[in-house]
Protein backbone atom coordinates (compact mmCIF):
# COMPACT_ATOMS: atom_id res chain seq x y z
CA MET A 1 -0.12 0.00 0.03
CA GLU A 2 1.13 3.56 -0.75
CA THR A 3 1.46 6.01 2.14
CA ILE A 4 -0.29 9.37 1.71
CA ASP A 5 -1.00 12.26 3.96
CA THR A 6 -4.84 12.61 3.50
CA LEU A 7 -7.59 10.55 2.08
CA ILE A 8 -11.01 12.36 1.64
CA LYS A 9 -13.93 9.98 0.88
CA ALA A 10 -17.05 11.79 -0.25
CA ARG A 11 -20.50 10.99 -1.66
CA TRP A 12 -19.76 13.09 -4.84
CA ILE A 13 -16.50 14.54 -6.25
CA ILE A 14 -17.04 17.26 -8.81
CA PRO A 15 -13.58 17.88 -10.41
CA VAL A 16 -14.72 20.61 -12.85
CA GLU A 17 -12.52 19.17 -15.47
CA PRO A 18 -13.65 17.30 -17.47
CA ASP A 19 -16.80 19.23 -17.88
CA ASP A 20 -20.13 18.10 -16.44
CA THR A 21 -18.31 15.19 -14.55
CA VAL A 22 -19.77 13.91 -11.27
CA LEU A 23 -17.91 11.03 -9.54
CA GLU A 24 -20.08 9.22 -6.97
CA HIS A 25 -18.64 7.32 -3.93
CA HIS A 26 -15.08 8.36 -4.80
CA ALA A 27 -12.07 9.49 -2.85
CA LEU A 28 -9.32 12.21 -3.15
CA ALA A 29 -5.67 11.09 -2.25
CA ILE A 30 -3.34 13.85 -1.14
CA ARG A 31 0.36 13.69 -0.64
CA ALA A 32 2.64 16.60 0.03
CA GLY A 33 -0.03 19.18 -0.70
CA ARG A 34 -0.88 17.74 -4.08
CA ILE A 35 -3.67 15.60 -5.47
CA VAL A 36 -2.36 12.13 -6.06
CA ALA A 37 -5.58 10.41 -7.56
CA LEU A 38 -9.18 10.39 -7.69
CA LEU A 39 -10.63 6.91 -7.49
CA PRO A 40 -13.58 4.89 -6.18
CA SER A 41 -13.55 4.83 -2.31
CA ALA A 42 -13.37 1.03 -2.03
CA GLU A 43 -10.21 1.00 -4.24
CA ALA A 44 -8.75 3.88 -2.30
CA ASP A 45 -9.05 1.64 0.93
CA SER A 46 -6.98 -1.14 -0.67
CA ARG A 47 -4.50 1.12 -2.20
CA TYR A 48 -3.49 3.80 0.26
CA ARG A 49 -2.47 4.09 3.84
CA ALA A 50 -3.31 7.58 5.03
CA ASP A 51 -2.23 9.55 7.97
CA THR A 52 -5.70 11.27 8.05
CA VAL A 53 -8.82 9.93 6.60
CA HIS A 54 -11.97 11.96 6.23
CA GLU A 55 -15.33 10.24 5.77
CA LEU A 56 -17.89 12.67 4.31
CA PRO A 57 -20.86 10.53 3.24
CA HIS A 58 -23.32 13.51 2.50
CA HIS A 59 -20.75 15.90 1.05
CA ALA A 60 -19.67 17.09 -2.50
CA LEU A 61 -16.00 17.83 -2.95
CA ILE A 62 -15.20 20.71 -5.29
CA PRO A 63 -12.19 22.71 -6.15
CA GLY A 64 -11.46 25.68 -3.99
CA LEU A 65 -13.37 28.76 -5.12
CA VAL A 66 -11.32 31.54 -6.79
CA ASN A 67 -12.47 35.07 -5.96
CA THR A 68 -11.08 36.99 -8.83
CA HIS A 69 -11.80 40.60 -7.58
CA THR A 70 -11.66 41.76 -4.03
CA HIS A 71 -10.81 44.71 -1.95
CA ALA A 72 -10.18 42.69 1.03
CA ALA A 73 -9.50 45.16 3.68
CA MET A 74 -12.81 47.11 2.81
CA SER A 75 -14.60 44.46 4.76
CA LEU A 76 -14.26 46.84 7.58
CA MET A 77 -16.43 49.19 5.58
CA ARG A 78 -19.21 46.76 5.20
CA GLY A 79 -22.52 48.72 5.31
CA LEU A 80 -20.83 52.00 5.86
CA ALA A 81 -22.54 53.78 2.83
CA ASP A 82 -25.52 51.93 1.04
CA ASP A 83 -27.94 52.54 -1.68
CA LEU A 84 -25.87 55.15 -3.73
CA PRO A 85 -24.63 55.26 -7.23
CA LEU A 86 -20.99 54.45 -7.85
CA MET A 87 -19.44 57.93 -8.09
CA GLU A 88 -21.49 59.35 -5.27
CA TRP A 89 -20.59 56.39 -3.13
CA LEU A 90 -16.94 56.73 -3.93
CA LYS A 91 -16.43 60.51 -3.78
CA GLY A 92 -18.81 61.33 -1.05
CA HIS A 93 -18.11 58.37 1.32
CA ILE A 94 -15.57 55.74 0.59
CA TRP A 95 -12.49 57.93 -0.64
CA PRO A 96 -12.90 60.38 2.34
CA ALA A 97 -13.03 57.46 4.79
CA GLU A 98 -10.06 55.73 3.24
CA GLY A 99 -8.18 58.99 3.32
CA ARG A 100 -8.84 59.22 7.17
CA TRP A 101 -8.35 55.61 8.10
CA VAL A 102 -6.40 53.46 5.73
CA GLY A 103 -3.03 52.39 6.90
CA ALA A 104 -1.19 49.33 7.69
CA GLU A 105 -3.30 48.43 10.84
CA PHE A 106 -6.63 48.89 8.82
CA VAL A 107 -5.44 46.63 6.09
CA GLU A 108 -4.11 44.02 8.41
CA ASP A 109 -7.36 43.80 10.44
CA GLY A 110 -9.66 44.05 7.40
CA THR A 111 -7.88 41.50 5.50
CA GLN A 112 -8.06 39.06 8.34
CA LEU A 113 -11.78 39.64 8.61
CA ALA A 114 -12.16 39.07 4.90
CA MET A 115 -10.09 36.01 4.73
CA ALA A 116 -12.12 34.45 7.57
CA GLU A 117 -15.37 35.10 5.74
CA MET A 118 -13.99 33.86 2.52
CA LEU A 119 -12.44 30.64 3.96
CA ARG A 120 -15.79 29.94 5.64
CA GLY A 121 -17.50 30.25 2.21
CA GLY A 122 -15.20 27.99 0.44
CA VAL A 123 -12.81 30.64 -1.14
CA THR A 124 -9.19 29.31 -1.30
CA CYS A 125 -7.83 31.97 -3.50
CA PHE A 126 -8.50 35.70 -3.80
CA ASN A 127 -7.19 38.28 -6.24
CA ASP A 128 -6.88 41.61 -4.21
CA MET A 129 -6.68 45.21 -5.26
CA TYR A 130 -5.93 47.60 -2.47
CA PHE A 131 -3.35 49.71 -0.60
CA PHE A 132 -0.54 48.26 1.51
CA PRO A 133 -0.38 44.99 -0.58
CA GLU A 134 2.52 43.83 1.51
CA ILE A 135 0.39 43.73 4.55
CA THR A 136 -2.15 41.57 2.64
CA ALA A 137 0.69 39.35 1.43
CA HIS A 138 2.00 38.72 4.87
CA ALA A 139 -1.59 38.14 6.26
CA ALA A 140 -2.42 35.65 3.52
CA ALA A 141 0.85 33.74 3.96
CA ARG A 142 0.20 33.49 7.76
CA ALA A 143 -3.21 32.13 7.13
CA GLY A 144 -2.22 29.62 4.56
CA MET A 145 -4.50 31.17 1.99
CA ARG A 146 -3.63 31.48 -1.83
CA ALA A 147 -3.68 35.18 -2.84
CA ALA A 148 -2.90 37.17 -5.95
CA LEU A 149 -1.73 40.53 -4.83
CA GLY A 150 -2.62 43.68 -6.78
CA LEU A 151 0.25 46.13 -7.37
CA ILE A 152 -2.05 49.03 -7.18
CA VAL A 153 -1.63 52.23 -9.13
CA ILE A 154 -3.60 55.41 -9.09
CA ASP A 155 -2.83 58.88 -10.10
CA PHE A 156 -3.58 60.63 -6.72
CA PRO A 157 -1.69 60.35 -3.52
CA THR A 158 -2.77 58.01 -0.70
CA ALA A 159 -1.26 56.79 2.55
CA TRP A 160 0.61 54.25 0.63
CA ALA A 161 2.25 56.26 -2.12
CA ALA A 162 2.48 59.83 -3.42
CA ASN A 163 2.33 59.29 -7.13
CA ALA A 164 2.12 56.64 -9.87
CA ASP A 165 5.98 56.28 -9.97
CA GLU A 166 5.99 55.50 -6.25
CA TYR A 167 3.09 53.16 -6.55
CA ILE A 168 4.86 51.20 -9.39
CA ALA A 169 8.25 51.12 -7.43
CA LYS A 170 6.81 49.86 -4.34
CA GLY A 171 4.73 47.32 -6.20
CA LEU A 172 7.90 45.94 -8.08
CA ALA A 173 9.94 45.76 -4.67
CA LEU A 174 6.88 43.74 -3.15
CA TYR A 175 6.83 41.45 -6.18
CA ASP A 176 10.69 40.90 -5.97
CA ASP A 177 10.43 40.12 -2.24
CA HIS A 178 7.67 37.41 -2.56
CA LYS A 179 7.65 36.23 -6.16
CA ASP A 180 9.04 32.73 -5.16
CA GLU A 181 6.41 32.12 -2.38
CA ALA A 182 4.26 29.23 -3.46
CA LEU A 183 0.96 30.62 -2.36
CA LEU A 184 1.43 34.15 -3.57
CA SER A 185 1.19 35.56 -7.02
CA PHE A 186 0.86 39.13 -8.44
CA CYS A 187 -1.09 41.32 -10.83
CA PHE A 188 -0.54 45.00 -11.77
CA ALA A 189 -3.62 46.77 -10.52
CA PRO A 190 -4.19 50.18 -12.09
CA HIS A 191 -7.53 51.19 -10.55
CA ALA A 192 -9.48 52.22 -13.59
CA PRO A 193 -9.15 54.28 -16.82
CA TYR A 194 -10.56 57.37 -15.16
CA THR A 195 -7.99 57.26 -12.38
CA VAL A 196 -4.77 56.41 -14.12
CA SER A 197 -3.37 58.58 -16.92
CA ASP A 198 -1.51 57.37 -20.10
CA GLU A 199 2.00 57.42 -19.03
CA PRO A 200 1.68 55.18 -15.98
CA LEU A 201 -0.49 52.89 -18.12
CA LYS A 202 2.15 52.61 -20.82
CA ARG A 203 4.78 51.82 -18.22
CA ILE A 204 2.48 49.16 -16.69
CA ARG A 205 2.04 47.55 -20.17
CA THR A 206 5.92 47.31 -20.64
CA LEU A 207 6.44 45.83 -17.25
CA ALA A 208 3.51 43.36 -17.47
CA ASN A 209 4.91 42.04 -20.71
CA GLU A 210 8.36 41.73 -19.23
CA LEU A 211 7.30 39.96 -16.10
CA ASP A 212 4.40 38.13 -17.74
CA LEU A 213 2.03 39.46 -15.03
CA PRO A 214 -1.78 40.14 -15.32
CA VAL A 215 -3.18 43.56 -15.39
CA HIS A 216 -6.24 43.68 -13.17
CA MET A 217 -8.41 46.89 -13.78
CA HIS A 218 -11.94 48.06 -13.29
CA VAL A 219 -13.07 48.79 -16.99
CA HIS A 220 -16.48 49.89 -18.33
CA GLU A 221 -18.14 49.53 -14.95
CA THR A 222 -20.80 52.25 -15.61
CA ALA A 223 -22.36 54.26 -18.29
CA HIS A 224 -20.90 57.53 -16.70
CA GLU A 225 -17.36 56.04 -17.04
CA VAL A 226 -17.98 55.52 -20.73
CA GLU A 227 -19.52 59.08 -21.23
CA GLU A 228 -16.72 60.71 -19.32
CA SER A 229 -14.11 58.85 -21.35
CA MET A 230 -15.72 60.07 -24.55
CA ALA A 231 -15.66 63.52 -23.32
CA ARG A 232 -11.99 63.48 -22.15
CA PHE A 233 -10.44 61.18 -24.78
CA GLY A 234 -12.96 61.09 -27.77
CA MET A 235 -12.98 57.30 -27.29
CA ARG A 236 -14.48 54.62 -25.12
CA PRO A 237 -12.30 53.24 -22.21
CA LEU A 238 -11.59 49.90 -23.92
CA GLU A 239 -10.43 51.62 -27.19
CA ARG A 240 -8.09 53.81 -25.18
CA LEU A 241 -6.68 50.77 -23.44
CA ALA A 242 -6.18 49.01 -26.79
CA GLN A 243 -4.40 52.03 -28.19
CA LEU A 244 -2.21 51.76 -25.14
CA GLY A 245 -1.49 48.25 -25.84
CA LEU A 246 -3.23 46.88 -22.83
CA VAL A 247 -6.02 44.68 -24.33
CA GLY A 248 -4.51 41.31 -24.45
CA PRO A 249 -4.26 37.81 -22.83
CA ASN A 250 -3.03 39.39 -19.63
CA LEU A 251 -5.97 41.87 -19.17
CA LEU A 252 -8.26 41.08 -16.30
CA ALA A 253 -11.17 43.59 -16.98
CA VAL A 254 -13.53 43.97 -14.07
CA HIS A 255 -17.22 44.49 -14.34
CA MET A 256 -17.63 45.31 -18.17
CA THR A 257 -21.27 46.22 -17.78
CA GLN A 258 -21.20 48.48 -20.80
CA LEU A 259 -20.07 46.48 -23.86
CA GLU A 260 -21.10 46.65 -27.57
CA ASP A 261 -20.88 43.62 -29.73
CA ALA A 262 -17.70 44.79 -31.47
CA GLU A 263 -15.95 45.24 -28.17
CA ILE A 264 -17.06 41.65 -27.19
CA ALA A 265 -15.47 40.33 -30.51
CA HIS A 266 -12.36 42.43 -29.80
CA LEU A 267 -11.87 40.87 -26.15
CA ALA A 268 -12.39 37.50 -27.69
CA GLU A 269 -9.84 38.05 -30.38
CA ALA A 270 -7.42 39.59 -27.76
CA GLY A 271 -7.76 36.79 -25.36
CA ALA A 272 -8.63 39.15 -22.45
CA HIS A 273 -10.50 37.95 -19.31
CA VAL A 274 -13.61 39.45 -17.85
CA LEU A 275 -14.12 39.38 -14.06
CA HIS A 276 -17.88 39.50 -13.39
CA CYS A 277 -19.24 40.94 -10.05
CA PRO A 278 -23.00 40.51 -10.51
CA GLU A 279 -24.14 41.46 -6.95
CA SER A 280 -21.95 44.68 -6.67
CA ASN A 281 -23.10 45.79 -10.07
CA LEU A 282 -26.79 45.27 -9.17
CA LYS A 283 -26.39 46.99 -5.81
CA LEU A 284 -24.66 50.08 -7.36
CA ALA A 285 -27.15 49.93 -10.39
CA SER A 286 -24.03 49.85 -12.64
CA GLY A 287 -25.50 47.77 -15.32
CA PHE A 288 -25.50 44.12 -16.58
CA CYS A 289 -22.45 42.33 -17.96
CA PRO A 290 -23.51 40.36 -21.00
CA VAL A 291 -22.13 37.11 -19.69
CA GLN A 292 -23.58 34.73 -22.15
CA LYS A 293 -22.64 36.77 -25.25
CA LEU A 294 -18.99 36.77 -23.85
CA LEU A 295 -18.96 33.13 -23.28
CA ASP A 296 -20.45 32.52 -26.74
CA ALA A 297 -17.68 34.51 -28.25
CA GLY A 298 -15.06 32.51 -26.41
CA VAL A 299 -14.14 35.08 -23.71
CA ASN A 300 -13.06 33.54 -20.37
CA VAL A 301 -15.46 34.90 -17.84
CA CYS A 302 -14.63 34.52 -14.14
CA LEU A 303 -16.40 35.52 -10.85
CA GLY A 304 -15.76 38.02 -8.16
CA THR A 305 -17.36 39.58 -5.19
CA ASP A 306 -15.89 42.96 -5.27
CA GLY A 307 -15.42 44.50 -1.67
CA ALA A 308 -17.64 44.01 1.14
CA ALA A 309 -18.22 47.86 1.20
CA SER A 310 -20.25 47.48 -2.11
CA ASN A 311 -21.62 43.94 -1.95
CA ASN A 312 -22.03 43.57 1.11
CA ASP A 313 -20.38 40.20 1.56
CA LEU A 314 -17.67 37.99 0.11
CA ASP A 315 -19.91 35.03 -0.65
CA LEU A 316 -18.87 33.54 -3.96
CA MET A 317 -21.41 30.68 -3.77
CA GLY A 318 -23.94 33.40 -3.70
CA GLU A 319 -22.40 35.07 -6.64
CA MET A 320 -22.60 31.92 -8.62
CA ARG A 321 -26.39 31.83 -8.08
CA THR A 322 -26.80 35.38 -8.82
CA ALA A 323 -24.62 35.21 -11.95
CA ALA A 324 -26.55 32.21 -13.28
CA LEU A 325 -29.99 33.78 -12.75
CA LEU A 326 -28.91 37.18 -13.94
CA ALA A 327 -27.49 35.76 -17.17
CA LYS A 328 -30.70 34.13 -17.96
CA GLY A 329 -32.70 37.31 -17.45
CA VAL A 330 -30.21 39.37 -19.51
CA ALA A 331 -30.04 36.79 -22.38
CA GLY A 332 -33.69 36.06 -22.26
CA ASP A 333 -32.87 32.45 -22.29
CA ALA A 334 -33.41 29.95 -19.42
CA ALA A 335 -30.65 27.88 -20.76
CA ALA A 336 -27.92 30.62 -20.46
CA LEU A 337 -25.14 30.01 -17.99
CA PRO A 338 -26.12 26.50 -16.69
CA ALA A 339 -25.03 25.46 -13.31
CA ALA A 340 -21.83 23.73 -14.39
CA ALA A 341 -20.72 26.91 -16.32
CA ALA A 342 -21.24 29.02 -13.25
CA LEU A 343 -19.27 26.63 -11.12
CA ARG A 344 -16.45 26.65 -13.56
CA MET A 345 -16.45 30.52 -13.67
CA ALA A 346 -15.94 30.28 -9.82
CA THR A 347 -13.15 27.97 -10.02
CA LEU A 348 -11.18 26.93 -13.20
CA ASN A 349 -11.95 30.09 -15.16
CA GLY A 350 -10.71 32.30 -12.34
CA ALA A 351 -7.57 30.23 -11.79
CA ARG A 352 -6.76 30.54 -15.54
CA ALA A 353 -7.37 34.29 -15.71
CA LEU A 354 -4.84 34.67 -12.71
CA GLY A 355 -2.16 32.52 -14.49
CA LEU A 356 -2.80 29.68 -12.06
CA GLY A 357 -4.66 27.16 -14.16
CA GLU A 358 -1.99 24.64 -13.98
CA GLU A 359 -1.92 24.86 -10.09
CA THR A 360 -5.48 25.16 -8.96
CA GLY A 361 -9.01 25.50 -10.21
CA SER A 362 -9.93 21.77 -10.66
CA LEU A 363 -9.45 18.47 -8.81
CA VAL A 364 -6.84 16.84 -11.08
CA PRO A 365 -3.76 14.62 -10.12
CA GLY A 366 -0.83 16.79 -9.99
CA LYS A 367 -2.40 20.06 -9.03
CA ALA A 368 -2.40 21.55 -5.67
CA ALA A 369 -4.95 20.13 -3.20
CA ASP A 370 -7.23 23.13 -2.85
CA VAL A 371 -10.49 21.37 -1.95
CA VAL A 372 -13.72 22.31 -0.41
CA ALA A 373 -16.36 20.08 1.15
CA VAL A 374 -19.97 21.10 0.95
CA ASP A 375 -22.58 19.06 3.17
CA LEU A 376 -25.61 18.39 0.93
CA GLY A 377 -27.24 16.45 3.74
CA ALA A 378 -29.22 19.12 5.26
CA LEU A 379 -32.98 19.41 4.84
CA GLU A 380 -32.54 22.49 2.59
CA SER A 381 -30.54 20.28 0.12
CA ARG A 382 -33.01 17.30 0.06
CA PRO A 383 -33.47 15.62 -2.32
CA VAL A 384 -30.42 15.68 -4.36
CA TYR A 385 -30.82 14.72 -8.04
CA HIS A 386 -28.19 16.91 -9.50
CA PRO A 387 -25.44 17.98 -7.01
CA VAL A 388 -23.95 20.60 -9.41
CA SER A 389 -27.30 22.23 -9.64
CA HIS A 390 -27.66 22.15 -5.89
CA LEU A 391 -24.31 23.85 -5.33
CA VAL A 392 -25.40 26.72 -7.65
CA TYR A 393 -29.15 27.08 -7.10
CA ALA A 394 -29.87 25.63 -3.57
CA THR A 395 -26.63 25.60 -1.42
CA GLY A 396 -25.53 28.44 0.86
CA ARG A 397 -21.98 29.03 2.16
CA GLN A 398 -22.97 27.90 5.71
CA GLN A 399 -22.95 24.34 4.31
CA VAL A 400 -19.07 24.50 3.69
CA THR A 401 -17.71 22.29 6.42
CA HIS A 402 -13.92 21.71 5.36
CA VAL A 403 -11.39 23.66 3.40
CA TRP A 404 -7.91 22.69 2.36
CA VAL A 405 -5.27 24.84 0.55
CA ALA A 406 -2.23 22.94 -0.78
CA GLY A 407 -3.41 20.00 1.46
CA LYS A 408 -3.39 21.88 4.58
CA ALA A 409 -6.81 21.99 6.47
CA LEU A 410 -7.75 25.66 7.03
CA LEU A 411 -11.45 24.90 8.00
CA LYS A 412 -12.42 21.81 9.86
CA ASP A 413 -16.11 21.18 10.66
CA ARG A 414 -16.65 24.93 10.22
CA ARG A 415 -13.89 25.87 12.57
CA LEU A 416 -10.92 27.95 11.14
CA THR A 417 -7.50 26.50 11.93
CA THR A 418 -5.17 29.42 11.25
CA LEU A 419 -7.23 32.48 12.03
CA ASP A 420 -8.32 33.62 15.54
CA LEU A 421 -12.06 34.30 14.97
CA GLU A 422 -12.68 35.91 18.49
CA ALA A 423 -9.72 38.33 17.95
CA ILE A 424 -10.85 39.19 14.39
CA GLN A 425 -14.35 39.90 15.52
CA ALA A 426 -12.96 42.07 18.39
CA ARG A 427 -10.83 44.09 16.16
CA ALA A 428 -13.71 44.65 13.63
CA MET A 429 -15.90 45.91 16.40
CA ALA A 430 -13.15 48.47 17.42
CA TRP A 431 -12.95 49.65 13.78
CA GLN A 432 -16.73 50.13 13.86
CA GLU A 433 -16.51 52.41 16.74
CA ARG A 434 -13.76 54.43 15.25
CA LEU A 435 -15.46 54.75 11.80
CA LYS A 436 -18.96 55.37 13.31
CA ALA A 437 -17.70 58.13 15.46
CA ASN A 438 -16.32 60.05 12.39
CA ALA A 439 -18.98 59.08 9.90
């Protein structure tokens, strides 16, 4: 018998690749943080001797969810300013609050709160865009969570940097310090076309090509953004980015609610990725991303929550359901974005956008053991005809019971193993008092 670290036996395993595959009464074998095999449970018992065996007779095992767009530290601003359009929300409330409060301590405490929430909801990897990314990097590494760190760039000064040159310099230093860490990856993160001017964008294009890093950016989020771009530059934001050489396989375009058919064709031809945040877009009345049109054109579409300040949660399972329902309404087609496609958007599509498709996003031998167990044995999940359908349309994040990242258990029976929940909650309450006193 072969010796392995962990054997997880489950009622169902949904590997995501191949498409529409559901393995019943199977087991997942893990050694040294990687998936060794998927095989029938009875065969696994005769083939492997495991240090730890998990029997999960009512559970579905899925790949760890990949949250491709977050502002993790903004979890401390959850509910601070609601029911407002984007620019009023940003200029009147969020940017002033950030100017007053954002610093290393804020980012540390907010990121810990966000990671705890995400892990309890089955998210094993998050792509972040926020200030003090070095703090986020250290927090993620301590928690054992996979993270893509945004090297943020914006034209105006903040507590982290004074100008675009300093943002880029500090981002490159962070990349150099951590580029060899297994659970950390990086993206350039210019905030948006309306907050970053041409010269920094040209430099980001050059650096991204040299370092082979994605460029993570809010694009075509609102009609106002497009109108403003037409007034300032005489062209739509995506056309401007194309002229600057930024529309290509490394572009991660967030939101994309304002798209014309020709732009969809251009994105597909260029190999760009779209990061869809349906609940944030709905809450801010930003518009509707034409997901099915993008998928039909061959564009890789992924899922993100956005920040908890505009969502107001980091629930990627909820985003799967909202995305699937919204896509049907927008397309006028009940067959648009079926459940399996929504699950793929939340896992493998996201991993591929981040350049991590060979490492995570599906349960395939050789990949990292980023695994989530979801209990489908509850009353609210009975009966189970199609487990993939249940995961998207009938299951909540509270049914996530176990989470592993690179084979390490970060959630066991709903208990976090690397994060101090009581301390995180206490710090969140302290920040609530500070922000409320100065609201």
